[in-house]
Each structure stands twice: as structure tokens, then as C-alpha cells.
C-alpha atoms as a PDB file:
ATOM      1  CA  UNK A   1      -0.199  -0.106  -0.252  1.00  0.00           C
ATOM      2  CA  UNK A   2       1.386   3.377  -0.803  1.00  0.00           C
ATOM      3  CA  UNK A   3       2.500   5.637   1.824  1.00  0.00           C
ATOM      4  CA  UNK A   4       0.535   9.302   1.482  1.00  0.00           C
ATOM      5  CA  UNK A   5       2.630  11.127   3.795  1.00  0.00           C
ATOM      6  CA  UNK A   6       4.208  14.363   1.315  1.00  0.00           C
ATOM      7  CA  UNK A   7       7.863  13.536   2.688  1.00  0.00           C
ATOM      8  CA  UNK A   8       7.704  10.186   1.991  1.00  0.00           C
ATOM      9  CA  UNK A   9       5.901  10.445  -2.099  1.00  0.00           C
ATOM     10  CA  UNK A  10       6.913   9.607  -4.904  1.00  0.00           C
ATOM     11  CA  UNK A  11       6.686  12.213  -7.915  1.00  0.00           C
ATOM     12  CA  UNK A  12       4.623   9.842  -9.329  1.00  0.00           C
ATOM     13  CA  UNK A  13       2.076   9.575  -6.374  1.00  0.00           C
ATOM     14  CA  UNK A  14       1.633  13.237  -6.315  1.00  0.00           C
ATOM     15  CA  UNK A  15       1.032  13.912  -9.618  1.00  0.00           C
ATOM     16  CA  UNK A  16      -1.480  11.009  -9.501  1.00  0.00           C
ATOM     17  CA  UNK A  17      -3.260  12.324  -6.270  1.00  0.00           C
ATOM     18  CA  UNK A  18      -2.936  16.164  -7.760  1.00  0.00           C
ATOM     19  CA  UNK A  19      -3.846  16.157 -11.258  1.00  0.00           C
ATOM     20  CA  UNK A  20      -7.164  14.979 -12.434  1.00  0.00           C
ATOM     21  CA  UNK A  21      -7.333  15.889 -16.228  1.00  0.00           C
ATOM     22  CA  UNK A  22     -10.987  17.235 -16.871  1.00  0.00           C
ATOM     23  CA  UNK A  23     -13.156  14.599 -18.208  1.00  0.00           C
ATOM     24  CA  UNK A  24     -13.304  15.092 -22.307  1.00  0.00           C
ATOM     25  CA  UNK A  25     -17.048  15.769 -22.273  1.00  0.00           C
ATOM     26  CA  UNK A  26     -16.956  18.733 -20.794  1.00  0.00           C
ATOM     27  CA  UNK A  27     -14.402  20.075 -22.155  1.00  0.00           C
ATOM     28  CA  UNK A  28     -15.740  19.269 -25.472  1.00  0.00           C
ATOM     29  CA  UNK A  29     -19.003  20.755 -24.344  1.00  0.00           C
ATOM     30  CA  UNK A  30     -17.503  23.713 -23.091  1.00  0.00           C
ATOM     31  CA  UNK A  31     -15.615  24.434 -26.512  1.00  0.00           C
ATOM     32  CA  UNK A  32     -18.703  23.883 -28.389  1.00  0.00           C
ATOM     33  CA  UNK A  33     -21.022  26.281 -26.259  1.00  0.00           C
ATOM     34  CA  UNK A  34     -18.162  28.776 -26.838  1.00  0.00           C
ATOM     35  CA  UNK A  35     -18.337  28.066 -30.628  1.00  0.00           C
ATOM     36  CA  UNK A  36     -21.840  28.988 -30.851  1.00  0.00           C
ATOM     37  CA  UNK A  37     -22.057  32.260 -28.663  1.00  0.00           C
ATOM     38  CA  UNK A  38     -18.730  33.957 -29.124  1.00  0.00           C
ATOM     39  CA  UNK A  39     -16.867  32.505 -32.538  1.00  0.00           C
ATOM     40  CA  UNK A  40     -19.800  31.898 -34.616  1.00  0.00           C
ATOM     41  CA  UNK A  41     -20.713  35.889 -34.102  1.00  0.00           C
ATOM     42  CA  UNK A  42     -16.601  37.333 -34.394  1.00  0.00           C
ATOM     43  CA  UNK A  43     -16.525  35.035 -37.350  1.00  0.00           C
ATOM     44  CA  UNK A  44     -12.418  34.140 -35.470  1.00  0.00           C
ATOM     45  CA  UNK A  45     -12.470  30.351 -35.951  1.00  0.00           C
ATOM     46  CA  UNK A  46     -12.924  27.928 -32.787  1.00  0.00           C
ATOM     47  CA  UNK A  47     -13.572  29.239 -29.257  1.00  0.00           C
ATOM     48  CA  UNK A  48     -10.480  28.400 -26.588  1.00  0.00           C
ATOM     49  CA  UNK A  49     -10.368  30.138 -23.403  1.00  0.00           C
ATOM     50  CA  UNK A  50      -7.516  32.164 -22.894  1.00  0.00           C
ATOM     51  CA  UNK A  51      -5.696  31.124 -20.033  1.00  0.00           C
ATOM     52  CA  UNK A  52      -5.726  27.366 -17.681  1.00  0.00           C
ATOM     53  CA  UNK A  53      -3.439  28.644 -15.210  1.00  0.00           C
ATOM     54  CA  UNK A  54      -3.362  24.993 -13.223  1.00  0.00           C
ATOM     55  CA  UNK A  55      -2.677  22.923 -16.574  1.00  0.00           C
ATOM     56  CA  UNK A  56      -0.190  20.155 -17.671  1.00  0.00           C
ATOM     57  CA  UNK A  57       1.218  19.126 -21.505  1.00  0.00           C
ATOM     58  CA  UNK A  58      -1.123  15.735 -21.054  1.00  0.00           C
ATOM     59  CA  UNK A  59      -4.374  17.513 -19.844  1.00  0.00           C
ATOM     60  CA  UNK A  60      -3.981  19.751 -22.798  1.00  0.00           C
ATOM     61  CA  UNK A  61      -4.054  17.110 -25.588  1.00  0.00           C
ATOM     62  CA  UNK A  62      -7.282  18.342 -26.249  1.00  0.00           C
ATOM     63  CA  UNK A  63      -6.219  22.243 -26.673  1.00  0.00           C
ATOM     64  CA  UNK A  64      -8.606  24.324 -24.109  1.00  0.00           C
ATOM     65  CA  UNK A  65      -6.508  27.416 -23.864  1.00  0.00           C
ATOM     66  CA  UNK A  66      -4.503  29.608 -25.739  1.00  0.00           C
ATOM     67  CA  UNK A  67      -1.946  29.772 -23.078  1.00  0.00           C
ATOM     68  CA  UNK A  68      -1.184  27.120 -20.137  1.00  0.00           C
ATOM     69  CA  UNK A  69       0.569  27.429 -17.288  1.00  0.00           C
ATOM     70  CA  UNK A  70       2.061  23.733 -15.922  1.00  0.00           C
ATOM     71  CA  UNK A  71       3.384  23.107 -12.765  1.00  0.00           C
ATOM     72  CA  UNK A  72       7.030  23.924 -13.946  1.00  0.00           C
ATOM     73  CA  UNK A  73       5.669  27.582 -14.734  1.00  0.00           C
ATOM     74  CA  UNK A  74       3.685  27.944 -11.152  1.00  0.00           C
ATOM     75  CA  UNK A  75       0.980  29.505 -12.280  1.00  0.00           C
ATOM     76  CA  UNK A  76       0.150  31.441  -8.607  1.00  0.00           C
ATOM     77  CA  UNK A  77       3.221  33.267  -9.879  1.00  0.00           C
ATOM     78  CA  UNK A  78       2.392  34.026 -13.056  1.00  0.00           C
ATOM     79  CA  UNK A  79       0.332  37.195 -14.081  1.00  0.00           C
ATOM     80  CA  UNK A  80      -3.543  36.618 -15.243  1.00  0.00           C
ATOM     81  CA  UNK A  81      -3.965  39.162 -17.543  1.00  0.00           C
ATOM     82  CA  UNK A  82      -7.368  41.314 -16.338  1.00  0.00           C
ATOM     83  CA  UNK A  83      -9.097  40.966 -19.723  1.00  0.00           C
ATOM     84  CA  UNK A  84      -8.123  36.657 -19.835  1.00  0.00           C
ATOM     85  CA  UNK A  85     -11.001  34.410 -19.930  1.00  0.00           C
ATOM     86  CA  UNK A  86     -10.195  31.307 -17.854  1.00  0.00           C
ATOM     87  CA  UNK A  87     -10.590  27.861 -16.530  1.00  0.00           C
ATOM     88  CA  UNK A  88      -9.101  26.392 -13.660  1.00  0.00           C
ATOM     89  CA  UNK A  89      -9.249  23.145 -12.903  1.00  0.00           C
ATOM     90  CA  UNK A  90      -6.759  23.389  -9.543  1.00  0.00           C
ATOM     91  CA  UNK A  91      -4.666  20.634  -7.817  1.00  0.00           C
ATOM     92  CA  UNK A  92      -6.829  18.695  -5.683  1.00  0.00           C
ATOM     93  CA  UNK A  93      -4.619  18.906  -3.174  1.00  0.00           C
ATOM     94  CA  UNK A  94      -5.708  19.170   0.989  1.00  0.00           C
ATOM     95  CA  UNK A  95      -7.631  22.055   1.032  1.00  0.00           C
ATOM     96  CA  UNK A  96      -7.987  22.145   5.170  1.00  0.00           C
ATOM     97  CA  UNK A  97      -4.436  23.278   4.259  1.00  0.00           C
ATOM     98  CA  UNK A  98      -4.789  27.519   4.396  1.00  0.00           C
ATOM     99  CA  UNK A  99      -1.285  28.125   2.101  1.00  0.00           C
ATOM    100  CA  UNK A 100      -2.479  24.732  -0.348  1.00  0.00           C
ATOM    101  CA  UNK A 101      -2.518  24.849  -3.958  1.00  0.00           C
ATOM    102  CA  UNK A 102      -6.205  24.325  -4.452  1.00  0.00           C
ATOM    103  CA  UNK A 103      -6.785  27.748  -2.123  1.00  0.00           C
ATOM    104  CA  UNK A 104      -4.396  29.858  -3.385  1.00  0.00           C
ATOM    105  CA  UNK A 105      -5.532  29.064  -7.383  1.00  0.00           C
ATOM    106  CA  UNK A 106      -9.312  29.557  -5.701  1.00  0.00           C
ATOM    107  CA  UNK A 107      -8.338  32.727  -4.230  1.00  0.00           C
ATOM    108  CA  UNK A 108      -6.409  33.875  -7.159  1.00  0.00           C
ATOM    109  CA  UNK A 109      -9.446  33.306  -9.456  1.00  0.00           C
ATOM    110  CA  UNK A 110     -12.167  35.002  -7.495  1.00  0.00           C
ATOM    111  CA  UNK A 111     -10.115  38.056  -7.356  1.00  0.00           C
ATOM    112  CA  UNK A 112      -9.511  37.281 -11.367  1.00  0.00           C
ATOM    113  CA  UNK A 113     -13.120  37.188 -11.482  1.00  0.00           C
ATOM    114  CA  UNK A 114     -13.140  36.414 -15.459  1.00  0.00           C
ATOM    115  CA  UNK A 115     -13.781  32.539 -16.311  1.00  0.00           C
ATOM    116  CA  UNK A 116     -14.793  28.768 -15.453  1.00  0.00           C
ATOM    117  CA  UNK A 117     -14.044  27.515 -11.782  1.00  0.00           C
ATOM    118  CA  UNK A 118     -14.506  23.427 -11.812  1.00  0.00           C
ATOM    119  CA  UNK A 119     -13.789  22.372  -8.385  1.00  0.00           C
ATOM    120  CA  UNK A 120     -14.909  19.115  -5.533  1.00  0.00           C
ATOM    121  CA  UNK A 121     -17.423  20.388  -3.602  1.00  0.00           C
ATOM    122  CA  UNK A 122     -15.797  19.465  -0.479  1.00  0.00           C
ATOM    123  CA  UNK A 123     -17.392  19.966   3.078  1.00  0.00           C
ATOM    124  CA  UNK A 124     -15.731  22.208   5.579  1.00  0.00           C
ATOM    125  CA  UNK A 125     -13.534  23.637   3.300  1.00  0.00           C
ATOM    126  CA  UNK A 126     -13.439  27.353   3.243  1.00  0.00           C
ATOM    127  CA  UNK A 127     -12.743  28.504  -0.476  1.00  0.00           C
ATOM    128  CA  UNK A 128     -16.187  26.001  -1.098  1.00  0.00           C
ATOM    129  CA  UNK A 129     -17.853  28.871   0.452  1.00  0.00           C
ATOM    130  CA  UNK A 130     -16.003  31.638  -1.108  1.00  0.00           C
ATOM    131  CA  UNK A 131     -16.779  30.311  -3.952  1.00  0.00           C
ATOM    132  CA  UNK A 132     -20.540  29.889  -2.890  1.00  0.00           C
ATOM    133  CA  UNK A 133     -20.187  33.468  -2.125  1.00  0.00           C
ATOM    134  CA  UNK A 134     -18.856  35.394  -5.383  1.00  0.00           C
ATOM    135  CA  UNK A 135     -19.695  33.716  -8.087  1.00  0.00           C
ATOM    136  CA  UNK A 136     -21.853  34.782 -10.749  1.00  0.00           C
ATOM    137  CA  UNK A 137     -23.278  31.139 -11.527  1.00  0.00           C
ATOM    138  CA  UNK A 138     -22.753  27.493 -10.902  1.00  0.00           C
ATOM    139  CA  UNK A 139     -23.909  24.003 -12.187  1.00  0.00           C
ATOM    140  CA  UNK A 140     -24.461  20.871  -9.979  1.00  0.00           C
ATOM    141  CA  UNK A 141     -24.522  17.571 -10.854  1.00  0.00           C
ATOM    142  CA  UNK A 142     -26.457  13.980  -9.334  1.00  0.00           C
ATOM    143  CA  UNK A 143     -23.340  11.987 -10.425  1.00  0.00           C
ATOM    144  CA  UNK A 144     -19.673  12.129  -9.418  1.00  0.00           C
ATOM    145  CA  UNK A 145     -17.272  12.965 -12.442  1.00  0.00           C
ATOM    146  CA  UNK A 146     -14.764  10.575 -13.920  1.00  0.00           C
ATOM    147  CA  UNK A 147     -11.256  11.760 -14.316  1.00  0.00           C
ATOM    148  CA  UNK A 148      -8.231  11.308 -16.141  1.00  0.00           C
ATOM    149  CA  UNK A 149      -5.468  10.671 -14.291  1.00  0.00           C
ATOM    150  CA  UNK A 150      -1.466  10.729 -14.964  1.00  0.00           C
ATOM    151  CA  UNK A 151       0.995   7.207 -15.549  1.00  0.00           C
ATOM    152  CA  UNK A 152      -1.547   4.889 -16.774  1.00  0.00           C
ATOM    153  CA  UNK A 153      -4.453   7.583 -17.337  1.00  0.00           C
ATOM    154  CA  UNK A 154      -6.949   5.596 -15.308  1.00  0.00           C
ATOM    155  CA  UNK A 155     -10.171   6.735 -14.546  1.00  0.00           C
ATOM    156  CA  UNK A 156     -10.708   7.971 -10.804  1.00  0.00           C
ATOM    157  CA  UNK A 157     -14.082   8.591  -9.109  1.00  0.00           C
ATOM    158  CA  UNK A 158     -13.721  11.559  -6.131  1.00  0.00           C
ATOM    159  CA  UNK A 159     -14.931  10.779  -3.120  1.00  0.00           C
ATOM    160  CA  UNK A 160     -16.957  14.437  -3.600  1.00  0.00           C
ATOM    161  CA  UNK A 161     -19.297  15.519  -6.455  1.00  0.00           C
ATOM    162  CA  UNK A 162     -17.989  18.524  -9.055  1.00  0.00           C
ATOM    163  CA  UNK A 163     -19.322  21.697  -9.107  1.00  0.00           C
ATOM    164  CA  UNK A 164     -18.675  23.754 -11.804  1.00  0.00           C
ATOM    165  CA  UNK A 165     -18.454  27.751 -10.517  1.00  0.00           C
ATOM    166  CA  UNK A 166     -19.017  30.943 -13.009  1.00  0.00           C
ATOM    167  CA  UNK A 167     -16.730  33.918 -12.557  1.00  0.00           C
ATOM    168  CA  UNK A 168     -17.985  37.473 -14.109  1.00  0.00           C
ATOM    169  CA  UNK A 169     -20.832  38.303 -16.356  1.00  0.00           C
ATOM    170  CA  UNK A 170     -19.006  35.791 -19.746  1.00  0.00           C
ATOM    171  CA  UNK A 171     -19.056  32.945 -17.846  1.00  0.00           C
ATOM    172  CA  UNK A 172     -23.254  32.986 -17.442  1.00  0.00           C
ATOM    173  CA  UNK A 173     -24.493  32.550 -20.774  1.00  0.00           C
ATOM    174  CA  UNK A 174     -21.604  30.292 -21.943  1.00  0.00           C
ATOM    175  CA  UNK A 175     -22.539  28.019 -19.034  1.00  0.00           C
ATOM    176  CA  UNK A 176     -26.457  28.306 -19.264  1.00  0.00           C
ATOM    177  CA  UNK A 177     -25.266  26.636 -22.640  1.00  0.00           C
ATOM    178  CA  UNK A 178     -22.725  24.761 -21.792  1.00  0.00           C
ATOM    179  CA  UNK A 179     -25.174  23.054 -19.184  1.00  0.00           C
ATOM    180  CA  UNK A 180     -27.678  22.387 -22.032  1.00  0.00           C
ATOM    181  CA  UNK A 181     -25.459  20.799 -24.263  1.00  0.00           C
ATOM    182  CA  UNK A 182     -23.724  18.491 -21.464  1.00  0.00           C
ATOM    183  CA  UNK A 183     -27.308  17.095 -20.390  1.00  0.00           C
ATOM    184  CA  UNK A 184     -27.651  15.886 -24.174  1.00  0.00           C
ATOM    185  CA  UNK A 185     -24.310  14.194 -24.391  1.00  0.00           C
ATOM    186  CA  UNK A 186     -24.551  13.054 -21.134  1.00  0.00           C
ATOM    187  CA  UNK A 187     -28.155  12.968 -20.072  1.00  0.00           C
ATOM    188  CA  UNK A 188     -27.397  10.619 -16.790  1.00  0.00           C
ATOM    189  CA  UNK A 189     -25.133  13.503 -14.830  1.00  0.00           C
ATOM    190  CA  UNK A 190     -28.191  15.514 -13.696  1.00  0.00           C
ATOM    191  CA  UNK A 191     -26.458  18.662 -14.913  1.00  0.00           C
ATOM    192  CA  UNK A 192     -28.318  21.686 -13.030  1.00  0.00           C
ATOM    193  CA  UNK A 193     -27.584  25.267 -13.811  1.00  0.00           C
ATOM    194  CA  UNK A 194     -28.328  28.261 -11.224  1.00  0.00           C
ATOM    195  CA  UNK A 195     -27.544  31.400 -11.064  1.00  0.00           C
ATOM    196  CA  UNK A 196     -25.770  33.125  -8.022  1.00  0.00           C
ATOM    197  CA  UNK A 197     -29.096  34.536  -6.140  1.00  0.00           C
ATOM    198  CA  UNK A 198     -30.665  31.218  -6.587  1.00  0.00           C
ATOM    199  CA  UNK A 199     -27.542  29.803  -4.915  1.00  0.00           C
ATOM    200  CA  UNK A 200     -28.743  28.462  -1.455  1.00  0.00           C
END
């Protein structure tokens, strides 16, 4: 059995715990919704987010954004241009640690307030309350999302449900249409779109 104490983890174990790649059907639906909303009107080709600040070369096989920051780049130390519409799937670290990358990435994304955040709905984690308080909209699921992981690409289902949070005005129509498209592709997932004022 693997020993998950931080100072005894191998690099492979650490990455497998922290890097959970966004499910392909979710990526496809986000991009298709963006195509229909933003790029069709502009006539500028396929939609991509401007920045994914917590990505990896393996995850970005299907490009989701024009630019990415990897673990080596350390997206927390990089500038996120104000006008960049971002996608964030933060490292799945211990959210109870106030200095964890999870909390730091989410705080920075909330302050940025222009993009989409995919996050586990962990109870008793401060950032969950922060996201619910500050988001413009959110999408919940009745089933748990399956994520790809590095080193063997196994599919993992976490203990917690996932939520997608929209930050800023641009995200509202994007996630509303995404929810419609995704529900047609994955009808069993029970995706539900909610505006901020309806979130309890």
C-alpha cells in the first residue's frame, strides 16, 4: 500500500493525487458552447479559453485554452491578464491547509473574476463557501464526474461531487448553454444550472 505522507511520496504518487484531468465530454461541451456563443458571431474560428493557469502538457492534448501554465511554470506566480477568460481545474490538494495550492488558486481565480472554475464540493473547506458567495452562476451534478489521471490514465471517481462555478458576466451565458449541451451528451449526470441569486 502506498504511503501518502507528503515527504515520502514519489513524484508519480504526488501527481496522481493532484493532477486530475478534466473529463473529455466536459471539455468538448465547454468548447462547443463557446463556439456557438462567441466565435460564430465574431467569425474568428474555434473558441478557446484565453488561459488555463493550472494545466499540464498531458491534459492539454485537446486544447482548451490558448495559453497554459504547468506545474513547472507555477501559475500562482504568473500574471493572469485582467481580460483573459480563464478555465481553472485546480490541483486536488488538501483544502484544509490554508496555504495549499488549491486554496491559493481559487482565491486568485475569485479575485480575477473572469472565467470558469471546476472544483470538488468538499465540505468544511473555506474555498467552497468563498466560491458560492462570489460566483455569478454554478452547475451541479447528481453524479460524480470521472477524471483521468497521469501515469496509466486510470479513471478516478472522487469521494465528493464536482461543481462548475462561473465567475463574471461572460460565464453566465457560456455555462447556461454548456449545461444544455452537456445534458444532451451525458443525460445521466443530471447537470443543473443556477444563477447566483438562486444558490442556497
